[in-house]
C-alpha atoms as a PDB file:
ATOM      1  CA  MET A   1      57.690 -60.831  95.072  1.00  0.00           C
ATOM      2  CA  ILE A   2      58.857 -62.487  98.297  1.00  0.00           C
ATOM      3  CA  LYS A   3      62.413 -63.850  98.191  1.00  0.00           C
ATOM      4  CA  THR A   4      64.323 -65.833 100.801  1.00  0.00           C
ATOM      5  CA  ILE A   5      67.905 -64.638 101.234  1.00  0.00           C
ATOM      6  CA  VAL A   6      68.881 -66.908 104.153  1.00  0.00           C
ATOM      7  CA  SER A   7      67.502 -70.346 105.008  1.00  0.00           C
ATOM      8  CA  THR A   8      69.110 -72.504 107.695  1.00  0.00           C
ATOM      9  CA  GLU A   9      67.980 -75.654 109.468  1.00  0.00           C
ATOM     10  CA  LEU A  10      67.339 -75.263 113.197  1.00  0.00           C
ATOM     11  CA  PRO A  11      67.946 -78.197 115.576  1.00  0.00           C
ATOM     12  CA  ILE A  12      64.364 -79.413 116.011  1.00  0.00           C
ATOM     13  CA  ASP A  13      62.767 -79.607 112.557  1.00  0.00           C
ATOM     14  CA  GLU A  14      62.411 -75.840 112.061  1.00  0.00           C
ATOM     15  CA  GLN A  15      63.781 -73.278 109.620  1.00  0.00           C
ATOM     16  CA  PHE A  16      65.568 -69.987 110.248  1.00  0.00           C
ATOM     17  CA  ARG A  17      64.670 -67.723 107.331  1.00  0.00           C
ATOM     18  CA  ILE A  18      65.255 -64.101 106.383  1.00  0.00           C
ATOM     19  CA  ARG A  19      63.016 -62.831 103.592  1.00  0.00           C
ATOM     20  CA  LYS A  20      62.566 -59.662 101.606  1.00  0.00           C
ATOM     21  CA  ASN A  21      59.762 -58.168  99.548  1.00  0.00           C
ATOM     22  CA  VAL A  22      60.980 -57.067  96.105  1.00  0.00           C
ATOM     23  CA  ILE A  23      58.681 -54.526  94.442  1.00  0.00           C
ATOM     24  CA  GLN A  24      59.737 -53.629  90.909  1.00  0.00           C
ATOM     25  CA  ASN A  25      58.248 -51.461  88.188  1.00  0.00           C
ATOM     26  CA  GLY A  26      59.555 -49.499  85.237  1.00  0.00           C
ATOM     27  CA  LYS A  27      63.143 -49.880  84.105  1.00  0.00           C
ATOM     28  CA  LYS A  28      64.608 -53.326  84.855  1.00  0.00           C
ATOM     29  CA  ASP A  29      68.035 -51.743  85.259  1.00  0.00           C
ATOM     30  CA  GLY A  30      66.713 -48.782  87.276  1.00  0.00           C
ATOM     31  CA  LEU A  31      67.772 -47.648  90.728  1.00  0.00           C
ATOM     32  CA  ARG A  32      67.547 -50.031  93.679  1.00  0.00           C
ATOM     33  CA  PHE A  33      66.404 -48.758  97.084  1.00  0.00           C
ATOM     34  CA  CYS A  34      66.582 -51.008 100.180  1.00  0.00           C
ATOM     35  CA  VAL A  35      64.834 -50.571 103.540  1.00  0.00           C
ATOM     36  CA  VAL A  36      66.125 -52.838 106.312  1.00  0.00           C
ATOM     37  CA  THR A  37      65.106 -53.205 109.951  1.00  0.00           C
ATOM     38  CA  GLY A  38      64.628 -55.776 112.701  1.00  0.00           C
ATOM     39  CA  THR A  39      68.357 -56.132 113.416  1.00  0.00           C
ATOM     40  CA  HIS A  40      67.474 -55.732 117.090  1.00  0.00           C
ATOM     41  CA  GLY A  41      64.405 -57.718 118.085  1.00  0.00           C
ATOM     42  CA  ASP A  42      63.173 -55.201 120.677  1.00  0.00           C
ATOM     43  CA  GLU A  43      63.113 -52.304 118.174  1.00  0.00           C
ATOM     44  CA  LEU A  44      59.717 -52.347 116.497  1.00  0.00           C
ATOM     45  CA  GLU A  45      59.206 -48.990 114.760  1.00  0.00           C
ATOM     46  CA  GLY A  46      60.588 -50.414 111.522  1.00  0.00           C
ATOM     47  CA  GLN A  47      57.809 -53.006 111.335  1.00  0.00           C
ATOM     48  CA  MET A  48      55.172 -50.329 110.776  1.00  0.00           C
ATOM     49  CA  VAL A  49      57.418 -48.456 108.334  1.00  0.00           C
ATOM     50  CA  CYS A  50      57.865 -51.609 106.240  1.00  0.00           C
ATOM     51  CA  TYR A  51      54.126 -52.302 106.302  1.00  0.00           C
ATOM     52  CA  GLU A  52      53.214 -48.771 105.217  1.00  0.00           C
ATOM     53  CA  LEU A  53      55.859 -48.655 102.483  1.00  0.00           C
ATOM     54  CA  ALA A  54      54.825 -52.006 101.028  1.00  0.00           C
ATOM     55  CA  ARG A  55      51.164 -51.007 101.137  1.00  0.00           C
ATOM     56  CA  ILE A  56      51.605 -47.563  99.553  1.00  0.00           C
ATOM     57  CA  VAL A  57      54.032 -48.608  96.829  1.00  0.00           C
ATOM     58  CA  THR A  58      51.976 -51.677  95.903  1.00  0.00           C
ATOM     59  CA  GLU A  59      48.798 -49.597  95.678  1.00  0.00           C
ATOM     60  CA  GLN A  60      50.558 -46.932  93.575  1.00  0.00           C
ATOM     61  CA  ILE A  61      52.862 -49.223  91.617  1.00  0.00           C
ATOM     62  CA  ASP A  62      52.771 -47.048  88.496  1.00  0.00           C
ATOM     63  CA  ALA A  63      54.526 -44.287  90.450  1.00  0.00           C
ATOM     64  CA  LEU A  64      57.547 -46.536  91.040  1.00  0.00           C
ATOM     65  CA  ASP A  65      60.396 -46.507  88.533  1.00  0.00           C
ATOM     66  CA  GLY A  66      63.004 -48.941  89.808  1.00  0.00           C
ATOM     67  CA  THR A  67      63.202 -51.544  92.552  1.00  0.00           C
ATOM     68  CA  LEU A  68      62.230 -51.222  96.214  1.00  0.00           C
ATOM     69  CA  GLU A  69      63.426 -54.033  98.468  1.00  0.00           C
ATOM     70  CA  ILE A  70      61.989 -54.321 101.985  1.00  0.00           C
ATOM     71  CA  TYR A  71      63.737 -56.428 104.651  1.00  0.00           C
ATOM     72  CA  PRO A  72      61.481 -56.286 107.754  1.00  0.00           C
ATOM     73  CA  ALA A  73      63.320 -58.797 109.963  1.00  0.00           C
ATOM     74  CA  LEU A  74      67.096 -59.281 109.813  1.00  0.00           C
ATOM     75  CA  ASN A  75      66.847 -60.928 113.251  1.00  0.00           C
ATOM     76  CA  PRO A  76      63.525 -62.825 113.110  1.00  0.00           C
ATOM     77  CA  LEU A  77      64.238 -64.914 116.214  1.00  0.00           C
ATOM     78  CA  GLY A  78      64.904 -61.735 118.188  1.00  0.00           C
ATOM     79  CA  ILE A  79      61.637 -60.174 117.012  1.00  0.00           C
ATOM     80  CA  ASP A  80      59.704 -63.348 117.847  1.00  0.00           C
ATOM     81  CA  THR A  81      60.990 -63.194 121.431  1.00  0.00           C
ATOM     82  CA  ILE A  82      61.343 -59.368 121.763  1.00  0.00           C
ATOM     83  CA  GLN A  83      65.062 -59.730 122.504  1.00  0.00           C
ATOM     84  CA  ARG A  84      67.697 -57.274 121.309  1.00  0.00           C
ATOM     85  CA  GLY A  85      70.191 -59.934 120.243  1.00  0.00           C
ATOM     86  CA  ILE A  86      69.959 -63.336 118.611  1.00  0.00           C
ATOM     87  CA  PRO A  87      68.402 -65.728 121.164  1.00  0.00           C
ATOM     88  CA  ASN A  88      70.666 -68.547 122.414  1.00  0.00           C
ATOM     89  CA  PHE A  89      73.716 -67.019 120.711  1.00  0.00           C
ATOM     90  CA  ASP A  90      74.169 -64.095 123.144  1.00  0.00           C
ATOM     91  CA  LEU A  91      75.054 -61.904 120.155  1.00  0.00           C
ATOM     92  CA  ASP A  92      74.170 -58.398 119.065  1.00  0.00           C
ATOM     93  CA  MET A  93      73.628 -58.917 115.360  1.00  0.00           C
ATOM     94  CA  ASN A  94      74.729 -55.367 114.595  1.00  0.00           C
ATOM     95  CA  ARG A  95      78.190 -56.194 115.926  1.00  0.00           C
ATOM     96  CA  ILE A  96      79.080 -59.117 113.633  1.00  0.00           C
ATOM     97  CA  PHE A  97      79.000 -57.583 110.150  1.00  0.00           C
ATOM     98  CA  PRO A  98      80.286 -58.121 107.501  1.00  0.00           C
ATOM     99  CA  GLY A  99      80.134 -61.708 108.714  1.00  0.00           C
ATOM    100  CA  ASP A 100      82.007 -64.766 107.545  1.00  0.00           C
ATOM    101  CA  PRO A 101      80.800 -67.348 104.991  1.00  0.00           C
ATOM    102  CA  GLN A 102      82.777 -70.026 106.862  1.00  0.00           C
ATOM    103  CA  GLY A 103      81.831 -68.890 110.373  1.00  0.00           C
ATOM    104  CA  THR A 104      79.003 -69.643 112.778  1.00  0.00           C
ATOM    105  CA  MET A 105      75.360 -69.553 111.711  1.00  0.00           C
ATOM    106  CA  ALA A 106      75.109 -65.904 112.822  1.00  0.00           C
ATOM    107  CA  GLU A 107      78.283 -64.934 110.923  1.00  0.00           C
ATOM    108  CA  GLN A 108      77.123 -66.758 107.786  1.00  0.00           C
ATOM    109  CA  THR A 109      73.778 -64.945 108.061  1.00  0.00           C
ATOM    110  CA  ALA A 110      75.474 -61.538 108.377  1.00  0.00           C
ATOM    111  CA  HIS A 111      77.647 -62.314 105.335  1.00  0.00           C
ATOM    112  CA  ALA A 112      74.614 -63.360 103.260  1.00  0.00           C
ATOM    113  CA  ILE A 113      72.772 -60.143 104.203  1.00  0.00           C
ATOM    114  CA  ILE A 114      75.703 -57.947 103.139  1.00  0.00           C
ATOM    115  CA  GLU A 115      76.111 -59.835  99.873  1.00  0.00           C
ATOM    116  CA  ASP A 116      72.412 -59.492  99.100  1.00  0.00           C
ATOM    117  CA  ILE A 117      72.152 -55.761  99.869  1.00  0.00           C
ATOM    118  CA  LYS A 118      75.456 -54.358  98.607  1.00  0.00           C
ATOM    119  CA  GLY A 119      75.338 -52.550  95.319  1.00  0.00           C
ATOM    120  CA  ALA A 120      72.040 -50.836  96.136  1.00  0.00           C
ATOM    121  CA  ASP A 121      71.746 -47.145  95.285  1.00  0.00           C
ATOM    122  CA  MET A 122      70.448 -46.349  98.792  1.00  0.00           C
ATOM    123  CA  VAL A 123      69.868 -48.273 102.027  1.00  0.00           C
ATOM    124  CA  ILE A 124      67.849 -47.049 105.013  1.00  0.00           C
ATOM    125  CA  ASP A 125      68.696 -48.967 108.206  1.00  0.00           C
ATOM    126  CA  ILE A 126      65.860 -48.351 110.703  1.00  0.00           C
ATOM    127  CA  HIS A 127      66.337 -48.612 114.466  1.00  0.00           C
ATOM    128  CA  SER A 128      64.355 -47.635 117.534  1.00  0.00           C
ATOM    129  CA  SER A 129      65.882 -46.565 120.796  1.00  0.00           C
ATOM    130  CA  ASN A 130      66.077 -48.984 123.718  1.00  0.00           C
ATOM    131  CA  LEU A 131      63.565 -49.285 126.551  1.00  0.00           C
ATOM    132  CA  TYR A 132      65.332 -46.575 128.572  1.00  0.00           C
ATOM    133  CA  LEU A 133      65.601 -43.643 126.163  1.00  0.00           C
ATOM    134  CA  ARG A 134      63.242 -41.811 123.820  1.00  0.00           C
ATOM    135  CA  GLU A 135      64.732 -40.355 120.623  1.00  0.00           C
ATOM    136  CA  THR A 136      63.441 -37.711 118.250  1.00  0.00           C
ATOM    137  CA  PRO A 137      63.467 -38.954 114.624  1.00  0.00           C
ATOM    138  CA  GLN A 138      67.077 -38.611 113.531  1.00  0.00           C
ATOM    139  CA  VAL A 139      69.742 -39.842 111.132  1.00  0.00           C
ATOM    140  CA  ARG A 140      73.112 -40.919 112.506  1.00  0.00           C
ATOM    141  CA  ILE A 141      76.165 -40.758 110.261  1.00  0.00           C
ATOM    142  CA  ASN A 142      79.786 -41.620 110.900  1.00  0.00           C
ATOM    143  CA  VAL A 143      82.020 -38.561 110.480  1.00  0.00           C
ATOM    144  CA  GLN A 144      84.071 -40.488 107.920  1.00  0.00           C
ATOM    145  CA  ASP A 145      81.017 -40.648 105.622  1.00  0.00           C
ATOM    146  CA  SER A 146      79.467 -37.249 106.372  1.00  0.00           C
ATOM    147  CA  LYS A 147      80.306 -35.387 103.135  1.00  0.00           C
ATOM    148  CA  TRP A 148      78.856 -38.233 101.116  1.00  0.00           C
ATOM    149  CA  LEU A 149      75.755 -39.012 103.175  1.00  0.00           C
ATOM    150  CA  VAL A 150      74.527 -35.763 104.771  1.00  0.00           C
ATOM    151  CA  PRO A 151      72.974 -34.497 101.496  1.00  0.00           C
ATOM    152  CA  PHE A 152      70.882 -37.688 101.337  1.00  0.00           C
ATOM    153  CA  ALA A 153      69.961 -37.440 105.029  1.00  0.00           C
ATOM    154  CA  GLU A 154      68.692 -33.892 104.557  1.00  0.00           C
ATOM    155  CA  ARG A 155      66.033 -35.200 102.148  1.00  0.00           C
ATOM    156  CA  LEU A 156      64.491 -37.642 104.662  1.00  0.00           C
ATOM    157  CA  GLY A 157      62.564 -34.992 106.577  1.00  0.00           C
ATOM    158  CA  MET A 158      63.827 -36.068 109.995  1.00  0.00           C
ATOM    159  CA  ASP A 159      64.291 -33.587 112.850  1.00  0.00           C
ATOM    160  CA  PHE A 160      67.986 -34.076 113.379  1.00  0.00           C
ATOM    161  CA  VAL A 161      71.171 -35.387 111.753  1.00  0.00           C
ATOM    162  CA  TRP A 162      73.916 -36.422 114.182  1.00  0.00           C
ATOM    163  CA  VAL A 163      77.358 -36.694 112.597  1.00  0.00           C
ATOM    164  CA  HIS A 164      79.210 -38.588 115.303  1.00  0.00           C
ATOM    165  CA  GLY A 165      82.838 -39.528 115.794  1.00  0.00           C
ATOM    166  CA  ALA A 166      84.218 -42.838 114.608  1.00  0.00           C
ATOM    167  CA  ALA A 167      84.323 -45.682 117.109  1.00  0.00           C
ATOM    168  CA  THR A 168      85.872 -49.117 116.730  1.00  0.00           C
ATOM    169  CA  VAL A 169      82.621 -50.920 117.523  1.00  0.00           C
ATOM    170  CA  LEU A 170      80.893 -49.179 114.603  1.00  0.00           C
ATOM    171  CA  GLU A 171      83.116 -51.070 112.190  1.00  0.00           C
ATOM    172  CA  ALA A 172      81.059 -54.203 112.878  1.00  0.00           C
ATOM    173  CA  THR A 173      77.689 -52.622 112.055  1.00  0.00           C
ATOM    174  CA  LEU A 174      75.580 -53.160 108.957  1.00  0.00           C
ATOM    175  CA  ALA A 175      75.812 -49.479 107.996  1.00  0.00           C
ATOM    176  CA  HIS A 176      79.606 -49.281 108.266  1.00  0.00           C
ATOM    177  CA  SER A 177      80.047 -52.515 106.334  1.00  0.00           C
ATOM    178  CA  LEU A 178      77.793 -51.324 103.521  1.00  0.00           C
ATOM    179  CA  ASN A 179      79.291 -47.821 103.364  1.00  0.00           C
ATOM    180  CA  SER A 180      82.743 -49.416 103.187  1.00  0.00           C
ATOM    181  CA  THR A 181      81.686 -51.215 100.001  1.00  0.00           C
ATOM    182  CA  GLY A 182      80.447 -47.974  98.431  1.00  0.00           C
ATOM    183  CA  THR A 183      76.794 -48.755  99.143  1.00  0.00           C
ATOM    184  CA  PRO A 184      75.240 -45.662 100.808  1.00  0.00           C
ATOM    185  CA  CYS A 185      73.483 -46.520 104.069  1.00  0.00           C
ATOM    186  CA  LEU A 186      71.699 -44.097 106.407  1.00  0.00           C
ATOM    187  CA  VAL A 187      70.920 -45.136 109.993  1.00  0.00           C
ATOM    188  CA  VAL A 188      67.590 -43.817 111.296  1.00  0.00           C
ATOM    189  CA  GLU A 189      66.922 -43.825 115.045  1.00  0.00           C
ATOM    190  CA  MET A 190      63.592 -42.870 116.609  1.00  0.00           C
ATOM    191  CA  GLY A 191      61.064 -43.574 119.327  1.00  0.00           C
ATOM    192  CA  VAL A 192      61.531 -45.942 122.241  1.00  0.00           C
ATOM    193  CA  GLY A 193      62.124 -49.684 122.498  1.00  0.00           C
ATOM    194  CA  GLN A 194      59.282 -52.243 122.398  1.00  0.00           C
ATOM    195  CA  ARG A 195      56.770 -49.641 121.210  1.00  0.00           C
ATOM    196  CA  ILE A 196      55.552 -48.190 117.909  1.00  0.00           C
ATOM    197  CA  ASN A 197      54.988 -44.462 117.546  1.00  0.00           C
ATOM    198  CA  HIS A 198      52.602 -44.164 114.592  1.00  0.00           C
ATOM    199  CA  LYS A 199      53.298 -40.490 113.951  1.00  0.00           C
ATOM    200  CA  MET A 200      57.061 -41.006 113.789  1.00  0.00           C
ATOM    201  CA  CYS A 201      56.677 -44.022 111.510  1.00  0.00           C
ATOM    202  CA  ARG A 202      54.447 -42.161 109.072  1.00  0.00           C
ATOM    203  CA  ARG A 203      56.936 -39.283 109.003  1.00  0.00           C
ATOM    204  CA  LEU A 204      59.724 -41.665 108.045  1.00  0.00           C
ATOM    205  CA  VAL A 205      57.586 -43.294 105.340  1.00  0.00           C
ATOM    206  CA  GLU A 206      56.905 -39.848 103.895  1.00  0.00           C
ATOM    207  CA  GLY A 207      60.613 -39.049 104.110  1.00  0.00           C
ATOM    208  CA  ILE A 208      61.626 -42.263 102.339  1.00  0.00           C
ATOM    209  CA  LEU A 209      59.174 -41.598  99.511  1.00  0.00           C
ATOM    210  CA  HIS A 210      60.505 -38.037  99.269  1.00  0.00           C
ATOM    211  CA  LEU A 211      64.087 -39.307  99.019  1.00  0.00           C
ATOM    212  CA  MET A 212      63.022 -41.811  96.361  1.00  0.00           C
ATOM    213  CA  GLN A 213      61.289 -38.977  94.508  1.00  0.00           C
ATOM    214  CA  THR A 214      64.429 -36.792  94.529  1.00  0.00           C
ATOM    215  CA  MET A 215      66.410 -39.795  93.227  1.00  0.00           C
ATOM    216  CA  GLY A 216      63.980 -40.167  90.335  1.00  0.00           C
ATOM    217  CA  MET A 217      62.424 -43.434  91.546  1.00  0.00           C
ATOM    218  CA  TRP A 218      59.029 -42.171  92.727  1.00  0.00           C
ATOM    219  CA  LYS A 219      56.804 -40.090  90.475  1.00  0.00           C
ATOM    220  CA  GLU A 220      54.356 -38.915  93.133  1.00  0.00           C
ATOM    221  CA  SER A 221      55.221 -35.554  94.713  1.00  0.00           C
ATOM    222  CA  PRO A 222      55.203 -35.294  98.531  1.00  0.00           C
ATOM    223  CA  LYS A 223      52.081 -33.701  99.995  1.00  0.00           C
ATOM    224  CA  ASP A 224      54.026 -31.034 101.845  1.00  0.00           C
ATOM    225  CA  ARG A 225      57.507 -29.620 101.595  1.00  0.00           C
ATOM    226  CA  LEU A 226      59.652 -31.473 104.132  1.00  0.00           C
ATOM    227  CA  PRO A 227      61.620 -29.343 106.613  1.00  0.00           C
ATOM    228  CA  LEU A 228      65.405 -29.419 106.647  1.00  0.00           C
ATOM    229  CA  PRO A 229      66.844 -31.080 109.762  1.00  0.00           C
ATOM    230  CA  LEU A 230      69.253 -29.630 112.258  1.00  0.00           C
ATOM    231  CA  VAL A 231      72.713 -30.974 111.441  1.00  0.00           C
ATOM    232  CA  CYS A 232      75.060 -31.562 114.347  1.00  0.00           C
ATOM    233  CA  GLU A 233      78.674 -31.862 113.249  1.00  0.00           C
ATOM    234  CA  GLY A 234      81.671 -32.092 115.513  1.00  0.00           C
ATOM    235  CA  ASP A 235      81.703 -32.387 119.290  1.00  0.00           C
ATOM    236  CA  ARG A 236      78.534 -30.389 120.007  1.00  0.00           C
ATOM    237  CA  VAL A 237      76.454 -32.978 121.907  1.00  0.00           C
ATOM    238  CA  THR A 238      76.089 -32.527 125.673  1.00  0.00           C
ATOM    239  CA  PHE A 239      75.375 -35.673 127.696  1.00  0.00           C
ATOM    240  CA  LEU A 240      73.426 -35.346 130.961  1.00  0.00           C
ATOM    241  CA  ASN A 241      74.036 -38.168 133.446  1.00  0.00           C
ATOM    242  CA  ALA A 242      72.309 -38.833 136.759  1.00  0.00           C
ATOM    243  CA  GLU A 243      74.123 -37.588 139.845  1.00  0.00           C
ATOM    244  CA  THR A 244      72.286 -40.019 142.123  1.00  0.00           C
ATOM    245  CA  SER A 245      69.990 -43.049 142.066  1.00  0.00           C
ATOM    246  CA  GLY A 246      66.226 -42.661 142.306  1.00  0.00           C
ATOM    247  CA  VAL A 247      63.091 -42.127 140.219  1.00  0.00           C
ATOM    248  CA  PHE A 248      63.347 -39.673 137.320  1.00  0.00           C
ATOM    249  CA  LEU A 249      60.281 -37.469 136.765  1.00  0.00           C
ATOM    250  CA  THR A 250      59.889 -35.174 133.770  1.00  0.00           C
ATOM    251  CA  GLU A 251      57.114 -33.583 131.756  1.00  0.00           C
ATOM    252  CA  LEU A 252      59.315 -32.783 128.758  1.00  0.00           C
ATOM    253  CA  LYS A 253      59.356 -34.601 125.446  1.00  0.00           C
ATOM    254  CA  CYS A 254      62.326 -34.795 123.126  1.00  0.00           C
ATOM    255  CA  GLY A 255      62.425 -32.686 119.983  1.00  0.00           C
ATOM    256  CA  ILE A 256      62.276 -29.280 121.675  1.00  0.00           C
ATOM    257  CA  ASN A 257      64.624 -26.356 122.259  1.00  0.00           C
ATOM    258  CA  VAL A 258      65.816 -25.845 125.831  1.00  0.00           C
ATOM    259  CA  SER A 259      67.591 -22.955 127.544  1.00  0.00           C
ATOM    260  CA  ARG A 260      70.678 -22.905 129.735  1.00  0.00           C
ATOM    261  CA  GLY A 261      69.557 -23.615 133.315  1.00  0.00           C
ATOM    262  CA  GLN A 262      66.124 -24.940 132.281  1.00  0.00           C
ATOM    263  CA  THR A 263      64.903 -27.868 134.375  1.00  0.00           C
ATOM    264  CA  ILE A 264      64.772 -31.118 132.390  1.00  0.00           C
ATOM    265  CA  GLY A 265      63.440 -33.184 135.287  1.00  0.00           C
ATOM    266  CA  GLN A 266      64.004 -34.256 138.868  1.00  0.00           C
ATOM    267  CA  ILE A 267      65.324 -37.400 140.516  1.00  0.00           C
ATOM    268  CA  VAL A 268      63.216 -38.089 143.591  1.00  0.00           C
ATOM    269  CA  ASP A 269      63.167 -40.357 146.645  1.00  0.00           C
ATOM    270  CA  PRO A 270      59.656 -41.887 146.956  1.00  0.00           C
ATOM    271  CA  LEU A 271      60.292 -43.183 150.491  1.00  0.00           C
ATOM    272  CA  HIS A 272      61.057 -39.823 152.098  1.00  0.00           C
ATOM    273  CA  GLY A 273      59.299 -37.544 149.612  1.00  0.00           C
ATOM    274  CA  ARG A 274      62.481 -35.682 148.743  1.00  0.00           C
ATOM    275  CA  VAL A 275      64.014 -34.261 145.593  1.00  0.00           C
ATOM    276  CA  LEU A 276      67.475 -35.823 145.368  1.00  0.00           C
ATOM    277  CA  SER A 277      68.687 -34.029 142.252  1.00  0.00           C
ATOM    278  CA  THR A 278      67.450 -31.526 139.698  1.00  0.00           C
ATOM    279  CA  VAL A 279      68.512 -32.250 136.123  1.00  0.00           C
ATOM    280  CA  SER A 280      69.120 -28.952 134.318  1.00  0.00           C
ATOM    281  CA  SER A 281      70.398 -28.079 130.887  1.00  0.00           C
ATOM    282  CA  PRO A 282      73.940 -26.650 131.010  1.00  0.00           C
ATOM    283  CA  VAL A 283      73.562 -25.141 127.521  1.00  0.00           C
ATOM    284  CA  ASN A 284      71.119 -23.598 125.088  1.00  0.00           C
ATOM    285  CA  GLY A 285      70.259 -26.299 122.617  1.00  0.00           C
ATOM    286  CA  TYR A 286      68.016 -28.905 121.060  1.00  0.00           C
ATOM    287  CA  LEU A 287      66.872 -31.794 123.262  1.00  0.00           C
ATOM    288  CA  PHE A 288      66.930 -34.862 121.012  1.00  0.00           C
ATOM    289  CA  THR A 289      67.173 -37.658 123.617  1.00  0.00           C
ATOM    290  CA  ILE A 290      65.401 -37.947 126.962  1.00  0.00           C
ATOM    291  CA  ARG A 291      65.071 -40.659 129.585  1.00  0.00           C
ATOM    292  CA  ALA A 292      61.922 -42.771 129.118  1.00  0.00           C
ATOM    293  CA  TYR A 293      62.437 -45.420 131.822  1.00  0.00           C
ATOM    294  CA  PRO A 294      62.117 -43.665 135.203  1.00  0.00           C
ATOM    295  CA  ILE A 295      64.313 -45.851 137.439  1.00  0.00           C
ATOM    296  CA  VAL A 296      67.869 -44.492 137.361  1.00  0.00           C
ATOM    297  CA  TYR A 297      71.214 -45.126 138.955  1.00  0.00           C
ATOM    298  CA  GLU A 298      74.145 -42.810 139.393  1.00  0.00           C
ATOM    299  CA  GLY A 299      75.639 -42.286 135.939  1.00  0.00           C
ATOM    300  CA  SER A 300      72.495 -43.240 134.002  1.00  0.00           C
ATOM    301  CA  LEU A 301      72.015 -41.232 130.808  1.00  0.00           C
ATOM    302  CA  MET A 302      69.183 -38.724 131.279  1.00  0.00           C
ATOM    303  CA  ALA A 303      69.311 -36.646 128.113  1.00  0.00           C
ATOM    304  CA  ARG A 304      71.351 -35.581 125.107  1.00  0.00           C
ATOM    305  CA  ILE A 305      71.311 -31.977 123.901  1.00  0.00           C
ATOM    306  CA  PHE A 306      72.697 -30.512 120.708  1.00  0.00           C
ATOM    307  CA  ASN A 307      74.541 -27.427 121.884  1.00  0.00           C
ATOM    308  CA  THR A 308      73.408 -24.622 119.561  1.00  0.00           C
ATOM    309  CA  GLU A 309      75.365 -21.870 121.334  1.00  0.00           C
ATOM    310  CA  ASP A 310      77.595 -20.036 118.859  1.00  0.00           C
ATOM    311  CA  ALA A 311      76.450 -22.475 116.154  1.00  0.00           C
END
């Protein structure tokens, strides 16, 4: 069943609408599982995940015991124009939650989204990386919520769980706002902006169904046993930043183990045919982020590595 949760008049005889697909079977008062994405219009991995989930659960409806709600586009104008924020408002939608029922159109929209989702038994908030970085499939959790949420994250079958420190800006995100109300929300990050990695998307679909199965909402067993992720807690992430401007060349992909001193890539000067800088790992660890966009400036983020030394 398709339901509209936000409907607002636009200036020239058009409608701004946010809709969800509600798929229900079994107990009317059963568990409620929400999958949300499209908060940033240039992050597209979630579109395939929503499609696959809706298709699989609809085709195997008897396996569902509860309610699955799919929100594919929290920022439909951004998706239409492939823009990160809300067009014409110069706003990052994931920085205005929990919103304000008496505020601007964007703030009213954020408030309506929170009111509609809160109370769910689980929420998966799907993001892609930006155009510049490629991320291995991972779950990101605020340290304040780690004891509560890490056990759920471990059932999603992702490569990596990053328990990061609290930051003021995170208080305005969808996930923080929901977790603050007692509604568990896991943030999934994967891939690269403006692209869809089919393999990663199918992995997340499998992980979501596995989590639903462990919660007692999905009667079908997963095809294979899902691996446990690496869990990074505390200050164990090493950031590699460019020492100079140039073109970054690498043959590595994220999601691999690297050794101290191993070459991650090189920053080169195409005009003179010179290597300007060699980017090397300062630690033994797990490479979970790597630069995807090759043009870099001094200080640009090149990679993130989970330092596994003495772990």
